Amino acid sequence: MVGGVADRIKRRVRIQKLLELGYSIGAICDEEQCSRMTVLRWKKRLQEGEGEQDRPRRGRPRKLTPALKDKLLTEQKESVMCQIATPPRGSSAKACPSQEKQFVAP
């Protein structure tokens, strides 16, 4: 499938506008290069008051929330940067602030 969510939503909005302007189903299919079923599906959904967004998909919901995902990515980037910026041997300098938490003096 070519395109992403934004492209699909743009197509749905165009279909909605063409329906509002009174274009026939066949003319919309030709214009948007899609099937009759696609146009009829979105015509029905829009008449029922649904928006252009996808319906929720079946299956188990994600456990990884967007906030947790951002936190993990930030920690991973910091870890990589710490590995790259390792201070020379014998130096008392810390490569990154997170090393202070990891290494506790005996």
C-alpha atoms as a PDB file:
ATOM      1  CA  MET A   1       0.000   0.000   0.000  1.00  0.00           C
ATOM      2  CA  VAL A   2       1.402   3.336  -1.029  1.00  0.00           C
ATOM      3  CA  GLY A   3       0.971   6.337   1.250  1.00  0.00           C
ATOM      4  CA  GLY A   4       0.169   6.650   4.898  1.00  0.00           C
ATOM      5  CA  VAL A   5      -2.646   7.691   7.143  1.00  0.00           C
ATOM      6  CA  ALA A   6      -2.493  11.308   5.967  1.00  0.00           C
ATOM      7  CA  ASP A   7      -2.901  10.248   2.323  1.00  0.00           C
ATOM      8  CA  ARG A   8      -5.895   8.061   3.170  1.00  0.00           C
ATOM      9  CA  ILE A   9      -7.556  10.876   5.095  1.00  0.00           C
ATOM     10  CA  LYS A  10      -6.948  13.310   2.222  1.00  0.00           C
ATOM     11  CA  ARG A  11      -8.607  10.853  -0.160  1.00  0.00           C
ATOM     12  CA  ARG A  12     -11.609  10.504   2.167  1.00  0.00           C
ATOM     13  CA  VAL A  13     -12.004  14.266   2.408  1.00  0.00           C
ATOM     14  CA  ARG A  14     -11.844  14.558  -1.397  1.00  0.00           C
ATOM     15  CA  ILE A  15     -14.483  11.830  -1.727  1.00  0.00           C
ATOM     16  CA  GLN A  16     -16.681  13.683   0.770  1.00  0.00           C
ATOM     17  CA  LYS A  17     -16.310  16.979  -1.116  1.00  0.00           C
ATOM     18  CA  LEU A  18     -17.108  15.350  -4.461  1.00  0.00           C
ATOM     19  CA  LEU A  19     -20.200  13.707  -2.949  1.00  0.00           C
ATOM     20  CA  GLU A  20     -21.316  17.072  -1.549  1.00  0.00           C
ATOM     21  CA  LEU A  21     -20.849  18.644  -4.988  1.00  0.00           C
ATOM     22  CA  GLY A  22     -23.178  16.025  -6.473  1.00  0.00           C
ATOM     23  CA  TYR A  23     -20.691  13.944  -8.450  1.00  0.00           C
ATOM     24  CA  SER A  24     -21.825  10.423  -9.305  1.00  0.00           C
ATOM     25  CA  ILE A  25     -20.236   7.376  -7.686  1.00  0.00           C
ATOM     26  CA  GLY A  26     -18.680   6.401 -11.031  1.00  0.00           C
ATOM     27  CA  ALA A  27     -17.214   9.874 -11.582  1.00  0.00           C
ATOM     28  CA  ILE A  28     -15.668   9.848  -8.093  1.00  0.00           C
ATOM     29  CA  CYS A  29     -14.197   6.376  -8.740  1.00  0.00           C
ATOM     30  CA  ASP A  30     -12.609   7.636 -11.938  1.00  0.00           C
ATOM     31  CA  GLU A  31     -11.321  10.825 -10.299  1.00  0.00           C
ATOM     32  CA  GLU A  32      -9.867   9.116  -7.204  1.00  0.00           C
ATOM     33  CA  GLN A  33      -8.787   5.864  -8.896  1.00  0.00           C
ATOM     34  CA  CYS A  34     -10.629   3.748  -6.341  1.00  0.00           C
ATOM     35  CA  SER A  35     -13.368   1.130  -6.347  1.00  0.00           C
ATOM     36  CA  ARG A  36     -17.109   1.721  -6.112  1.00  0.00           C
ATOM     37  CA  MET A  37     -17.077  -0.049  -2.742  1.00  0.00           C
ATOM     38  CA  THR A  38     -14.582   2.467  -1.362  1.00  0.00           C
ATOM     39  CA  VAL A  39     -16.776   5.401  -2.362  1.00  0.00           C
ATOM     40  CA  LEU A  40     -19.953   3.706  -1.129  1.00  0.00           C
ATOM     41  CA  ARG A  41     -18.280   2.767   2.183  1.00  0.00           C
ATOM     42  CA  TRP A  42     -17.232   6.347   2.853  1.00  0.00           C
ATOM     43  CA  LYS A  43     -20.554   7.732   1.677  1.00  0.00           C
ATOM     44  CA  LYS A  44     -22.323   5.499   4.224  1.00  0.00           C
ATOM     45  CA  ARG A  45     -19.890   6.309   7.047  1.00  0.00           C
ATOM     46  CA  LEU A  46     -20.153  10.038   6.425  1.00  0.00           C
ATOM     47  CA  GLN A  47     -23.968   9.857   6.315  1.00  0.00           C
ATOM     48  CA  GLU A  48     -23.886   8.062   9.679  1.00  0.00           C
ATOM     49  CA  GLY A  49     -21.874  10.931  11.138  1.00  0.00           C
ATOM     50  CA  GLU A  50     -18.506   9.193  11.330  1.00  0.00           C
ATOM     51  CA  GLY A  51     -15.427  11.265  10.589  1.00  0.00           C
ATOM     52  CA  GLU A  52     -12.608  10.579   8.156  1.00  0.00           C
ATOM     53  CA  GLN A  53     -10.514   8.746  10.756  1.00  0.00           C
ATOM     54  CA  ASP A  54      -9.896   5.002  10.714  1.00  0.00           C
ATOM     55  CA  ARG A  55     -12.041   2.862  12.946  1.00  0.00           C
ATOM     56  CA  PRO A  56     -10.294   1.177  15.869  1.00  0.00           C
ATOM     57  CA  ARG A  57      -8.641  -2.047  14.808  1.00  0.00           C
ATOM     58  CA  ARG A  58      -9.232  -5.405  16.376  1.00  0.00           C
ATOM     59  CA  GLY A  59      -6.715  -7.020  18.634  1.00  0.00           C
ATOM     60  CA  ARG A  60      -4.921  -6.376  21.843  1.00  0.00           C
ATOM     61  CA  PRO A  61      -4.295  -2.696  22.582  1.00  0.00           C
ATOM     62  CA  ARG A  62      -0.723  -1.468  22.838  1.00  0.00           C
ATOM     63  CA  LYS A  63       0.882  -1.459  26.251  1.00  0.00           C
ATOM     64  CA  LEU A  64       3.520   1.016  25.180  1.00  0.00           C
ATOM     65  CA  THR A  65       1.981   4.458  25.570  1.00  0.00           C
ATOM     66  CA  PRO A  66       3.349   7.368  23.516  1.00  0.00           C
ATOM     67  CA  ALA A  67       4.791   8.942  26.682  1.00  0.00           C
ATOM     68  CA  LEU A  68       6.588   5.738  27.679  1.00  0.00           C
ATOM     69  CA  LYS A  69       7.862   5.293  24.122  1.00  0.00           C
ATOM     70  CA  ASP A  70       9.338   8.826  24.138  1.00  0.00           C
ATOM     71  CA  LYS A  71      10.970   8.199  27.525  1.00  0.00           C
ATOM     72  CA  LEU A  72      12.549   4.938  26.342  1.00  0.00           C
ATOM     73  CA  LEU A  73      13.831   6.533  23.136  1.00  0.00           C
ATOM     74  CA  THR A  74      15.348   9.415  25.091  1.00  0.00           C
ATOM     75  CA  GLU A  75      17.090   7.026  27.485  1.00  0.00           C
ATOM     76  CA  GLN A  76      18.355   4.925  24.572  1.00  0.00           C
ATOM     77  CA  LYS A  77      19.777   7.978  22.773  1.00  0.00           C
ATOM     78  CA  GLU A  78      21.472   9.113  25.987  1.00  0.00           C
ATOM     79  CA  SER A  79      22.955   5.656  26.475  1.00  0.00           C
ATOM     80  CA  VAL A  80      24.349   5.615  22.944  1.00  0.00           C
ATOM     81  CA  MET A  81      25.804   9.108  23.384  1.00  0.00           C
ATOM     82  CA  CYS A  82      27.427   8.013  26.659  1.00  0.00           C
ATOM     83  CA  GLN A  83      29.048   5.053  24.929  1.00  0.00           C
ATOM     84  CA  ILE A  84      30.385   7.300  22.175  1.00  0.00           C
ATOM     85  CA  ALA A  85      31.646  10.022  24.527  1.00  0.00           C
ATOM     86  CA  THR A  86      33.589   7.812  26.933  1.00  0.00           C
ATOM     87  CA  PRO A  87      36.318   9.799  28.772  1.00  0.00           C
ATOM     88  CA  PRO A  88      39.955   8.665  28.545  1.00  0.00           C
ATOM     89  CA  ARG A  89      41.218   6.060  31.028  1.00  0.00           C
ATOM     90  CA  GLY A  90      42.388   7.438  34.317  1.00  0.00           C
ATOM     91  CA  SER A  91      40.250  10.531  33.945  1.00  0.00           C
ATOM     92  CA  SER A  92      37.819  11.417  36.699  1.00  0.00           C
ATOM     93  CA  ALA A  93      35.482  13.138  34.215  1.00  0.00           C
ATOM     94  CA  LYS A  94      32.078  11.629  33.693  1.00  0.00           C
ATOM     95  CA  ALA A  95      30.902  10.977  30.115  1.00  0.00           C
ATOM     96  CA  CYS A  96      27.303  11.856  30.917  1.00  0.00           C
ATOM     97  CA  PRO A  97      25.090  12.699  33.886  1.00  0.00           C
ATOM     98  CA  SER A  98      23.482   9.263  33.977  1.00  0.00           C
ATOM     99  CA  GLN A  99      26.823   7.673  34.934  1.00  0.00           C
ATOM    100  CA  GLU A 100      26.592   9.344  38.325  1.00  0.00           C
ATOM    101  CA  LYS A 101      23.458   7.337  39.061  1.00  0.00           C
ATOM    102  CA  GLN A 102      24.887   4.066  37.789  1.00  0.00           C
ATOM    103  CA  PHE A 103      28.219   4.023  39.634  1.00  0.00           C
ATOM    104  CA  VAL A 104      28.095   4.454  43.363  1.00  0.00           C
ATOM    105  CA  ALA A 105      31.367   4.632  45.340  1.00  0.00           C
ATOM    106  CA  PRO A 106      31.824   1.741  47.839  1.00  0.00           C
END
